[in-house]
Structure formats: C-alpha cells, structure tokens
Amino acid sequence: FRLPVLAALCLLTTPAPLTALDLTPAADVALVVSVDVSQSVDEDRYRLQIDGIAKALVDPAVIDAITSGPNGRILFAMVVWADHAQLAVPWTPISTASDAAALASTVRRLKRYGGEFTCLARMFSSLPDLVLSDMPMKAARTVVDVSGDGIDNCSPDVTTRERRDELVERGVTINGLPIIERPGGIVGAGAYRAPDGNLENLRPLESREQLTLDGWYRTNVMGGDLAFILPANGYTDFARAMRQKFVTEISANVPARTAPERPAVIAIK
C-alpha cells in the first residue's frame, strides 16, 4: 500500500523536464540603456538625457518597432554610471503604447544620480550581476546602450576593451552613443586623470581617430552582433540620436548566438 503512495508523491514533487517551448524567447530584445552621470554631466545635461530617453520611448516609430517584432515585446532596463553603476530602472516589459508611456513617466521622475569619474570599464564589469542575470523572461537578443561624453578616465585594472569583450562573449551586443560637443576634437590626448590624481599615458596611441570620442567608442565600446556607433551632436541632439538608435536596435530582430565569434560591425555616423 505504501509503495504506490510513495510513487505518487514522487511524481508530484519531481520537476517536469524542460521542453523546447520553455526556451522560446518571450521578448525580442532585452535593452539596457546606460547613461553617463559623471562630473561633466551637469543638471541641464542630465535632464536632456533623461527627457531624450523618455521622448524616444513614446515615439511612434519606436512603438511601431516594438509591436512589429515577432513577440511584439521588449524588455527595458536603465543603468546610470560614473564612479560606480546603479540600477535606475529595473527590467520592465513594453508591448503597448501604454506600457511605453508609463515607463517614460517613470524615467522622467528619476532622481539625480552623480559621480566624479567616467568609469566605463567598471560599469561593464557590474552589468552581469546588476541587471543581466535578473531578466524576468528570455529575450532573443541582449543589447547594451552606452551614452557618454568622454573616455574612461578611471584607470581600471583591466581596459574598457577587455570588459567589453567579456560581455560580447556572453552574447551581448554593445552600441555606443558618444555625445560629441566638439566635432573632431581630441579627447584624452597624451594623458588622462586617474582617481589617485596621477597622469598616465593613454594607450595605445594608435591613431588620431582613436583619440576622438567617436573613434574611441568604436574601438573600445562597440561590440557584438550588428553593433554600431551613432553619435549625438551635443546634448541638444541626444533625443534625436536615442530615438534613431532605439528604432535600429529594436528592428534588428536577429537571434543571438550562444557563443558568438568576434562579430562583424557596422558604424553609423
């Protein structure tokens, strides 16, 4: 009598095997928007970024891109970073214009974060634990947006490029939105300031282009399947660039590979 009862209990408590359906993506894109809030970003510049993201979320072209995808849904999260990265908006699904409007309202109400340095490599290293490991559903692609007005000046133990490559190996695509106040201007020429106050040579000094902000982003930030750079011509152009970036990222419904090779990239100027 006891054996049949025990067998029945085992059936009730043993987890069902995973099926192919369990692994089907429920979102077309998991999009992490990471925003520079270092010392160079004053209150006006911060507000231009925040308002630009909110406007982009409710733009009709962005809504159309979201609802036209195979799943008609994306995941959105927002990270702000300077000396350290902080999760400003946790994963939020968007599948309707109402969802987007509610999220845009949340973004506009975000409190002001700040910091001194532009620690981009440190931000990259924090993403797996801070946000990527906590997705509420599977997504066909994971994309990280990086916007900022300067190069990494945090003198990390490993380079921004190395941290970028670690994320790419996880199947993440990283797109850059450098905010360029002086087109063609050199950033970090010769040296940069580290947190301890010392000046260290910026390496490698391979070309003048790599010392422009968009060139540095192309070399050290952009990576992964269909990655691209889309500069903003100053902070007042941020909303336009973010809207165009969202449409491009959300519309590119290309399934991510589990272990991608070094990807081909495209650059949008």
C-alpha atoms as a PDB file:
ATOM      1  CA  PHE A   1       0.000   0.000   0.000  1.00  0.00           C
ATOM      2  CA  ARG A   2       2.839   2.411   0.907  1.00  0.00           C
ATOM      3  CA  LEU A   3       4.789   1.954  -2.366  1.00  0.00           C
ATOM      4  CA  PRO A   4       2.035   3.282  -4.676  1.00  0.00           C
ATOM      5  CA  VAL A   5       1.540   6.272  -2.379  1.00  0.00           C
ATOM      6  CA  LEU A   6       5.291   6.987  -2.344  1.00  0.00           C
ATOM      7  CA  ALA A   7       5.465   6.729  -6.129  1.00  0.00           C
ATOM      8  CA  ALA A   8       2.585   9.166  -6.484  1.00  0.00           C
ATOM      9  CA  LEU A   9       4.273  11.646  -4.168  1.00  0.00           C
ATOM     10  CA  CYS A  10       7.479  11.435  -6.208  1.00  0.00           C
ATOM     11  CA  LEU A  11       5.549  12.242  -9.350  1.00  0.00           C
ATOM     12  CA  LEU A  12       4.048  15.296  -7.683  1.00  0.00           C
ATOM     13  CA  THR A  13       7.351  16.642  -6.341  1.00  0.00           C
ATOM     14  CA  THR A  14       9.685  15.821  -9.258  1.00  0.00           C
ATOM     15  CA  PRO A  15      10.096  18.855 -11.553  1.00  0.00           C
ATOM     16  CA  ALA A  16       8.894  18.393 -15.088  1.00  0.00           C
ATOM     17  CA  PRO A  17      11.674  18.237 -17.698  1.00  0.00           C
ATOM     18  CA  LEU A  18      12.388  21.384 -19.675  1.00  0.00           C
ATOM     19  CA  THR A  19      10.894  21.427 -23.134  1.00  0.00           C
ATOM     20  CA  ALA A  20      11.827  23.374 -26.231  1.00  0.00           C
ATOM     21  CA  LEU A  21       8.897  25.677 -25.501  1.00  0.00           C
ATOM     22  CA  ASP A  22      10.482  26.703 -22.185  1.00  0.00           C
ATOM     23  CA  LEU A  23      13.477  28.087 -24.085  1.00  0.00           C
ATOM     24  CA  THR A  24      11.489  30.113 -26.593  1.00  0.00           C
ATOM     25  CA  PRO A  25      12.231  33.844 -26.262  1.00  0.00           C
ATOM     26  CA  ALA A  26       9.301  35.830 -24.908  1.00  0.00           C
ATOM     27  CA  ALA A  27      10.872  39.221 -25.755  1.00  0.00           C
ATOM     28  CA  ASP A  28      12.519  40.327 -28.961  1.00  0.00           C
ATOM     29  CA  VAL A  29      15.167  42.485 -27.272  1.00  0.00           C
ATOM     30  CA  ALA A  30      16.402  42.979 -23.731  1.00  0.00           C
ATOM     31  CA  LEU A  31      17.641  46.578 -23.867  1.00  0.00           C
ATOM     32  CA  VAL A  32      19.864  48.097 -21.183  1.00  0.00           C
ATOM     33  CA  VAL A  33      20.258  51.867 -21.514  1.00  0.00           C
ATOM     34  CA  SER A  34      23.358  53.006 -19.602  1.00  0.00           C
ATOM     35  CA  VAL A  35      23.749  56.744 -19.020  1.00  0.00           C
ATOM     36  CA  ASP A  36      26.852  58.699 -18.055  1.00  0.00           C
ATOM     37  CA  VAL A  37      26.262  60.865 -14.955  1.00  0.00           C
ATOM     38  CA  SER A  38      29.898  61.762 -14.201  1.00  0.00           C
ATOM     39  CA  GLN A  39      31.183  65.202 -13.211  1.00  0.00           C
ATOM     40  CA  SER A  40      30.953  66.613 -16.751  1.00  0.00           C
ATOM     41  CA  VAL A  41      27.181  65.981 -16.767  1.00  0.00           C
ATOM     42  CA  ASP A  42      25.575  68.923 -15.020  1.00  0.00           C
ATOM     43  CA  GLU A  43      21.885  69.174 -14.173  1.00  0.00           C
ATOM     44  CA  ASP A  44      20.921  70.550 -17.591  1.00  0.00           C
ATOM     45  CA  ARG A  45      22.827  67.837 -19.433  1.00  0.00           C
ATOM     46  CA  TYR A  46      21.373  65.172 -17.174  1.00  0.00           C
ATOM     47  CA  ARG A  47      17.858  66.424 -17.878  1.00  0.00           C
ATOM     48  CA  LEU A  48      18.471  66.465 -21.642  1.00  0.00           C
ATOM     49  CA  GLN A  49      19.471  62.787 -21.446  1.00  0.00           C
ATOM     50  CA  ILE A  50      16.546  61.771 -19.250  1.00  0.00           C
ATOM     51  CA  ASP A  51      13.997  63.674 -21.322  1.00  0.00           C
ATOM     52  CA  GLY A  52      15.555  62.328 -24.515  1.00  0.00           C
ATOM     53  CA  ILE A  53      15.127  58.732 -23.358  1.00  0.00           C
ATOM     54  CA  ALA A  54      11.541  59.385 -22.261  1.00  0.00           C
ATOM     55  CA  LYS A  55      10.676  61.027 -25.590  1.00  0.00           C
ATOM     56  CA  ALA A  56      12.254  58.176 -27.532  1.00  0.00           C
ATOM     57  CA  LEU A  57      10.243  55.574 -25.627  1.00  0.00           C
ATOM     58  CA  VAL A  58       6.912  57.067 -26.689  1.00  0.00           C
ATOM     59  CA  ASP A  59       7.910  57.990 -30.236  1.00  0.00           C
ATOM     60  CA  PRO A  60       5.504  56.402 -32.779  1.00  0.00           C
ATOM     61  CA  ALA A  61       8.380  54.913 -34.782  1.00  0.00           C
ATOM     62  CA  VAL A  62       9.763  53.242 -31.650  1.00  0.00           C
ATOM     63  CA  ILE A  63       6.336  51.912 -30.645  1.00  0.00           C
ATOM     64  CA  ASP A  64       5.872  50.547 -34.164  1.00  0.00           C
ATOM     65  CA  ALA A  65       9.251  48.808 -33.992  1.00  0.00           C
ATOM     66  CA  ILE A  66       8.309  47.217 -30.650  1.00  0.00           C
ATOM     67  CA  THR A  67       4.877  45.987 -31.699  1.00  0.00           C
ATOM     68  CA  SER A  68       6.056  44.768 -35.120  1.00  0.00           C
ATOM     69  CA  GLY A  69       8.566  42.279 -33.694  1.00  0.00           C
ATOM     70  CA  PRO A  70       7.996  38.504 -33.628  1.00  0.00           C
ATOM     71  CA  ASN A  71       6.918  38.686 -29.985  1.00  0.00           C
ATOM     72  CA  GLY A  72       5.696  42.270 -30.008  1.00  0.00           C
ATOM     73  CA  ARG A  73       7.504  42.847 -26.712  1.00  0.00           C
ATOM     74  CA  ILE A  74      10.846  44.131 -25.452  1.00  0.00           C
ATOM     75  CA  LEU A  75      12.443  44.374 -22.025  1.00  0.00           C
ATOM     76  CA  PHE A  76      13.882  47.692 -20.883  1.00  0.00           C
ATOM     77  CA  ALA A  77      16.249  48.497 -18.022  1.00  0.00           C
ATOM     78  CA  MET A  78      18.273  51.607 -17.252  1.00  0.00           C
ATOM     79  CA  VAL A  79      21.646  51.954 -15.555  1.00  0.00           C
ATOM     80  CA  VAL A  80      23.362  55.200 -14.570  1.00  0.00           C
ATOM     81  CA  TRP A  81      27.109  55.231 -14.057  1.00  0.00           C
ATOM     82  CA  ALA A  82      30.044  57.367 -13.013  1.00  0.00           C
ATOM     83  CA  ASP A  83      32.430  56.073 -10.324  1.00  0.00           C
ATOM     84  CA  HIS A  84      30.045  53.140  -9.928  1.00  0.00           C
ATOM     85  CA  ALA A  85      26.986  51.864 -11.757  1.00  0.00           C
ATOM     86  CA  GLN A  86      23.499  51.892 -10.243  1.00  0.00           C
ATOM     87  CA  LEU A  87      20.284  50.324 -11.448  1.00  0.00           C
ATOM     88  CA  ALA A  88      17.884  53.219 -12.049  1.00  0.00           C
ATOM     89  CA  VAL A  89      15.032  51.314 -13.739  1.00  0.00           C
ATOM     90  CA  PRO A  90      14.649  47.529 -13.259  1.00  0.00           C
ATOM     91  CA  TRP A  91      13.557  45.251 -16.086  1.00  0.00           C
ATOM     92  CA  THR A  92      10.243  46.470 -17.464  1.00  0.00           C
ATOM     93  CA  PRO A  93       8.351  44.792 -20.335  1.00  0.00           C
ATOM     94  CA  ILE A  94       6.956  47.007 -23.098  1.00  0.00           C
ATOM     95  CA  SER A  95       4.377  45.629 -25.513  1.00  0.00           C
ATOM     96  CA  THR A  96       1.926  48.541 -25.912  1.00  0.00           C
ATOM     97  CA  ALA A  97       1.980  52.304 -26.243  1.00  0.00           C
ATOM     98  CA  SER A  98       0.514  52.485 -22.723  1.00  0.00           C
ATOM     99  CA  ASP A  99       3.419  50.447 -21.351  1.00  0.00           C
ATOM    100  CA  ALA A 100       5.871  52.812 -23.028  1.00  0.00           C
ATOM    101  CA  ALA A 101       4.074  55.903 -21.719  1.00  0.00           C
ATOM    102  CA  ALA A 102       4.089  54.577 -18.153  1.00  0.00           C
ATOM    103  CA  LEU A 103       7.800  53.779 -18.398  1.00  0.00           C
ATOM    104  CA  ALA A 104       8.577  57.201 -19.883  1.00  0.00           C
ATOM    105  CA  SER A 105       6.823  58.795 -16.905  1.00  0.00           C
ATOM    106  CA  THR A 106       8.971  56.707 -14.542  1.00  0.00           C
ATOM    107  CA  VAL A 107      12.150  57.753 -16.339  1.00  0.00           C
ATOM    108  CA  ARG A 108      11.241  61.445 -16.136  1.00  0.00           C
ATOM    109  CA  ARG A 109      10.787  61.157 -12.359  1.00  0.00           C
ATOM    110  CA  LEU A 110      14.185  59.580 -11.709  1.00  0.00           C
ATOM    111  CA  LYS A 111      16.210  61.275  -9.009  1.00  0.00           C
ATOM    112  CA  ARG A 112      19.535  62.829  -9.942  1.00  0.00           C
ATOM    113  CA  TYR A 113      22.455  60.445  -9.639  1.00  0.00           C
ATOM    114  CA  GLY A 114      26.023  61.684  -9.826  1.00  0.00           C
ATOM    115  CA  GLY A 115      29.702  60.909  -9.514  1.00  0.00           C
ATOM    116  CA  GLU A 116      33.117  62.230 -10.408  1.00  0.00           C
ATOM    117  CA  PHE A 117      34.828  59.893 -12.864  1.00  0.00           C
ATOM    118  CA  THR A 118      33.891  58.182 -16.129  1.00  0.00           C
ATOM    119  CA  CYS A 119      34.410  54.562 -15.040  1.00  0.00           C
ATOM    120  CA  LEU A 120      33.110  52.804 -18.145  1.00  0.00           C
ATOM    121  CA  ALA A 121      35.069  49.565 -17.677  1.00  0.00           C
ATOM    122  CA  ARG A 122      33.794  49.341 -14.109  1.00  0.00           C
ATOM    123  CA  MET A 123      30.240  49.801 -15.394  1.00  0.00           C
ATOM    124  CA  PHE A 124      30.717  46.981 -17.917  1.00  0.00           C
ATOM    125  CA  SER A 125      32.008  44.650 -15.213  1.00  0.00           C
ATOM    126  CA  SER A 126      28.995  45.333 -12.989  1.00  0.00           C
ATOM    127  CA  LEU A 127      26.311  44.614 -15.606  1.00  0.00           C
ATOM    128  CA  PRO A 128      26.110  40.793 -15.220  1.00  0.00           C
ATOM    129  CA  ASP A 129      25.262  40.931 -11.513  1.00  0.00           C
ATOM    130  CA  LEU A 130      23.474  44.287 -11.580  1.00  0.00           C
ATOM    131  CA  VAL A 131      20.985  43.589 -14.365  1.00  0.00           C
ATOM    132  CA  LEU A 132      21.790  40.867 -16.920  1.00  0.00           C
ATOM    133  CA  SER A 133      21.358  37.923 -14.555  1.00  0.00           C
ATOM    134  CA  ASP A 134      17.929  39.115 -13.432  1.00  0.00           C
ATOM    135  CA  MET A 135      15.878  39.059 -16.645  1.00  0.00           C
ATOM    136  CA  PRO A 136      12.238  38.114 -15.976  1.00  0.00           C
ATOM    137  CA  MET A 137      11.947  36.348 -19.335  1.00  0.00           C
ATOM    138  CA  LYS A 138      14.156  35.103 -22.123  1.00  0.00           C
ATOM    139  CA  ALA A 139      14.972  37.545 -24.923  1.00  0.00           C
ATOM    140  CA  ALA A 140      16.147  36.793 -28.451  1.00  0.00           C
ATOM    141  CA  ARG A 141      18.871  39.435 -28.133  1.00  0.00           C
ATOM    142  CA  THR A 142      20.512  41.422 -25.361  1.00  0.00           C
ATOM    143  CA  VAL A 143      21.667  44.937 -26.217  1.00  0.00           C
ATOM    144  CA  VAL A 144      23.505  47.437 -24.016  1.00  0.00           C
ATOM    145  CA  ASP A 145      23.382  51.119 -24.989  1.00  0.00           C
ATOM    146  CA  VAL A 146      26.289  53.246 -23.783  1.00  0.00           C
ATOM    147  CA  SER A 147      25.979  57.025 -23.897  1.00  0.00           C
ATOM    148  CA  GLY A 148      28.579  59.429 -22.595  1.00  0.00           C
ATOM    149  CA  ASP A 149      30.706  62.480 -23.343  1.00  0.00           C
ATOM    150  CA  GLY A 150      34.164  61.169 -22.506  1.00  0.00           C
ATOM    151  CA  ILE A 151      36.562  58.246 -22.440  1.00  0.00           C
ATOM    152  CA  ASP A 152      37.182  56.013 -19.432  1.00  0.00           C
ATOM    153  CA  ASN A 153      39.337  58.064 -17.034  1.00  0.00           C
ATOM    154  CA  CYS A 154      39.127  55.686 -14.094  1.00  0.00           C
ATOM    155  CA  SER A 155      42.420  53.812 -14.624  1.00  0.00           C
ATOM    156  CA  PRO A 156      40.837  50.362 -14.167  1.00  0.00           C
ATOM    157  CA  ASP A 157      42.787  47.167 -13.552  1.00  0.00           C
ATOM    158  CA  VAL A 158      41.659  45.951 -16.960  1.00  0.00           C
ATOM    159  CA  THR A 159      40.859  48.012 -20.017  1.00  0.00           C
ATOM    160  CA  THR A 160      37.431  49.035 -21.232  1.00  0.00           C
ATOM    161  CA  ARG A 161      38.042  46.934 -24.322  1.00  0.00           C
ATOM    162  CA  GLU A 162      38.681  43.799 -22.232  1.00  0.00           C
ATOM    163  CA  ARG A 163      35.481  44.278 -20.234  1.00  0.00           C
ATOM    164  CA  ARG A 164      33.596  44.925 -23.464  1.00  0.00           C
ATOM    165  CA  ASP A 165      34.923  41.674 -24.915  1.00  0.00           C
ATOM    166  CA  GLU A 166      33.776  39.723 -21.844  1.00  0.00           C
ATOM    167  CA  LEU A 167      30.213  40.928 -22.396  1.00  0.00           C
ATOM    168  CA  VAL A 168      30.395  40.127 -26.115  1.00  0.00           C
ATOM    169  CA  GLU A 169      31.439  36.577 -25.237  1.00  0.00           C
ATOM    170  CA  ARG A 170      28.185  36.286 -23.278  1.00  0.00           C
ATOM    171  CA  GLY A 171      26.265  37.123 -26.465  1.00  0.00           C
ATOM    172  CA  VAL A 172      25.661  40.776 -25.614  1.00  0.00           C
ATOM    173  CA  THR A 173      25.672  43.482 -28.290  1.00  0.00           C
ATOM    174  CA  ILE A 174      27.029  46.867 -27.182  1.00  0.00           C
ATOM    175  CA  ASN A 175      26.128  50.008 -29.101  1.00  0.00           C
ATOM    176  CA  GLY A 176      27.593  53.443 -28.494  1.00  0.00           C
ATOM    177  CA  LEU A 177      26.050  56.894 -28.401  1.00  0.00           C
ATOM    178  CA  PRO A 178      29.001  59.248 -27.894  1.00  0.00           C
ATOM    179  CA  ILE A 179      27.880  62.812 -27.138  1.00  0.00           C
ATOM    180  CA  ILE A 180      30.242  64.996 -29.150  1.00  0.00           C
ATOM    181  CA  GLU A 181      30.425  68.644 -28.150  1.00  0.00           C
ATOM    182  CA  ARG A 182      33.425  69.477 -30.379  1.00  0.00           C
ATOM    183  CA  PRO A 183      33.359  67.519 -33.675  1.00  0.00           C
ATOM    184  CA  GLY A 184      36.835  66.225 -34.461  1.00  0.00           C
ATOM    185  CA  GLY A 185      38.116  67.301 -31.063  1.00  0.00           C
ATOM    186  CA  ILE A 186      40.763  65.192 -29.374  1.00  0.00           C
ATOM    187  CA  VAL A 187      39.874  63.592 -26.045  1.00  0.00           C
ATOM    188  CA  GLY A 188      42.494  62.258 -23.665  1.00  0.00           C
ATOM    189  CA  ALA A 189      45.364  63.373 -25.920  1.00  0.00           C
ATOM    190  CA  GLY A 190      48.591  62.240 -24.248  1.00  0.00           C
ATOM    191  CA  ALA A 191      47.263  61.593 -20.764  1.00  0.00           C
ATOM    192  CA  TYR A 192      44.217  61.291 -18.588  1.00  0.00           C
ATOM    193  CA  ARG A 193      43.495  61.810 -14.914  1.00  0.00           C
ATOM    194  CA  ALA A 194      43.262  58.722 -12.746  1.00  0.00           C
ATOM    195  CA  PRO A 195      41.388  58.626  -9.404  1.00  0.00           C
ATOM    196  CA  ASP A 196      44.647  58.902  -7.416  1.00  0.00           C
ATOM    197  CA  GLY A 197      45.477  62.175  -9.163  1.00  0.00           C
ATOM    198  CA  ASN A 198      48.336  60.824 -11.266  1.00  0.00           C
ATOM    199  CA  LEU A 199      48.552  61.287 -15.014  1.00  0.00           C
ATOM    200  CA  GLU A 200      49.050  58.162 -17.091  1.00  0.00           C
ATOM    201  CA  ASN A 201      49.658  57.772 -20.785  1.00  0.00           C
ATOM    202  CA  LEU A 202      46.634  56.856 -22.843  1.00  0.00           C
ATOM    203  CA  ARG A 203      47.500  53.604 -24.621  1.00  0.00           C
ATOM    204  CA  PRO A 204      47.516  52.573 -27.336  1.00  0.00           C
ATOM    205  CA  LEU A 205      48.030  55.820 -29.231  1.00  0.00           C
ATOM    206  CA  GLU A 206      47.393  54.019 -32.492  1.00  0.00           C
ATOM    207  CA  SER A 207      45.840  56.866 -34.474  1.00  0.00           C
ATOM    208  CA  ARG A 208      44.370  60.332 -34.167  1.00  0.00           C
ATOM    209  CA  GLU A 209      40.925  58.881 -34.917  1.00  0.00           C
ATOM    210  CA  GLN A 210      41.049  56.722 -31.818  1.00  0.00           C
ATOM    211  CA  LEU A 211      41.568  59.848 -29.733  1.00  0.00           C
ATOM    212  CA  THR A 212      38.330  61.394 -30.963  1.00  0.00           C
ATOM    213  CA  LEU A 213      35.353  60.374 -28.868  1.00  0.00           C
ATOM    214  CA  ASP A 214      33.525  58.525 -31.646  1.00  0.00           C
ATOM    215  CA  GLY A 215      36.777  56.803 -32.655  1.00  0.00           C
ATOM    216  CA  TRP A 216      37.446  55.758 -29.070  1.00  0.00           C
ATOM    217  CA  TYR A 217      33.898  54.415 -28.724  1.00  0.00           C
ATOM    218  CA  ARG A 218      34.256  52.495 -31.983  1.00  0.00           C
ATOM    219  CA  THR A 219      37.487  50.859 -30.784  1.00  0.00           C
ATOM    220  CA  ASN A 220      36.706  50.294 -27.102  1.00  0.00           C
ATOM    221  CA  VAL A 221      32.920  50.266 -26.624  1.00  0.00           C
ATOM    222  CA  MET A 222      31.139  48.947 -29.730  1.00  0.00           C
ATOM    223  CA  GLY A 223      30.993  45.154 -29.966  1.00  0.00           C
ATOM    224  CA  GLY A 224      28.784  42.170 -30.720  1.00  0.00           C
ATOM    225  CA  ASP A 225      26.372  41.176 -33.477  1.00  0.00           C
ATOM    226  CA  LEU A 226      25.257  44.161 -35.591  1.00  0.00           C
ATOM    227  CA  ALA A 227      26.887  46.638 -33.196  1.00  0.00           C
ATOM    228  CA  PHE A 228      27.110  50.280 -34.223  1.00  0.00           C
ATOM    229  CA  ILE A 229      28.014  53.793 -33.141  1.00  0.00           C
ATOM    230  CA  LEU A 230      25.503  56.612 -33.502  1.00  0.00           C
ATOM    231  CA  PRO A 231      26.896  59.939 -32.242  1.00  0.00           C
ATOM    232  CA  ALA A 232      24.843  62.807 -30.881  1.00  0.00           C
ATOM    233  CA  ASN A 233      25.945  66.277 -31.933  1.00  0.00           C
ATOM    234  CA  GLY A 234      25.942  67.645 -28.416  1.00  0.00           C
ATOM    235  CA  TYR A 235      23.397  67.143 -25.663  1.00  0.00           C
ATOM    236  CA  THR A 236      20.662  69.008 -27.507  1.00  0.00           C
ATOM    237  CA  ASP A 237      20.837  66.302 -30.202  1.00  0.00           C
ATOM    238  CA  PHE A 238      20.593  63.454 -27.699  1.00  0.00           C
ATOM    239  CA  ALA A 239      16.841  62.842 -28.083  1.00  0.00           C
ATOM    240  CA  ARG A 240      17.113  62.541 -31.870  1.00  0.00           C
ATOM    241  CA  ALA A 241      20.052  60.135 -31.636  1.00  0.00           C
ATOM    242  CA  MET A 242      18.366  57.986 -28.960  1.00  0.00           C
ATOM    243  CA  ARG A 243      15.148  57.708 -30.961  1.00  0.00           C
ATOM    244  CA  GLN A 244      17.066  56.616 -34.084  1.00  0.00           C
ATOM    245  CA  LYS A 245      19.108  54.208 -32.013  1.00  0.00           C
ATOM    246  CA  PHE A 246      16.051  52.582 -30.433  1.00  0.00           C
ATOM    247  CA  VAL A 247      14.388  52.048 -33.802  1.00  0.00           C
ATOM    248  CA  THR A 248      17.552  50.491 -35.258  1.00  0.00           C
ATOM    249  CA  GLU A 249      18.155  48.203 -32.272  1.00  0.00           C
ATOM    250  CA  ILE A 250      14.579  47.024 -31.825  1.00  0.00           C
ATOM    251  CA  SER A 251      14.028  46.423 -35.541  1.00  0.00           C
ATOM    252  CA  ALA A 252      17.102  44.219 -35.931  1.00  0.00           C
ATOM    253  CA  ASN A 253      15.405  41.002 -34.822  1.00  0.00           C
ATOM    254  CA  VAL A 254      18.398  38.728 -35.243  1.00  0.00           C
ATOM    255  CA  PRO A 255      18.653  35.831 -32.736  1.00  0.00           C
ATOM    256  CA  ALA A 256      21.796  35.988 -30.644  1.00  0.00           C
ATOM    257  CA  ARG A 257      24.261  33.111 -30.761  1.00  0.00           C
ATOM    258  CA  THR A 258      25.218  31.356 -27.557  1.00  0.00           C
ATOM    259  CA  ALA A 259      28.949  31.782 -28.142  1.00  0.00           C
ATOM    260  CA  PRO A 260      29.473  34.350 -30.864  1.00  0.00           C
ATOM    261  CA  GLU A 261      32.645  34.693 -32.825  1.00  0.00           C
ATOM    262  CA  ARG A 262      34.241  38.136 -32.983  1.00  0.00           C
ATOM    263  CA  PRO A 263      31.403  39.959 -34.713  1.00  0.00           C
ATOM    264  CA  ALA A 264      31.208  41.975 -37.834  1.00  0.00           C
ATOM    265  CA  VAL A 265      30.156  45.527 -37.013  1.00  0.00           C
ATOM    266  CA  ILE A 266      28.564  48.441 -38.710  1.00  0.00           C
ATOM    267  CA  ALA A 267      29.120  52.092 -37.893  1.00  0.00           C
ATOM    268  CA  ILE A 268      26.518  54.786 -38.353  1.00  0.00           C
ATOM    269  CA  LYS A 269      27.859  58.337 -38.420  1.00  0.00           C
END
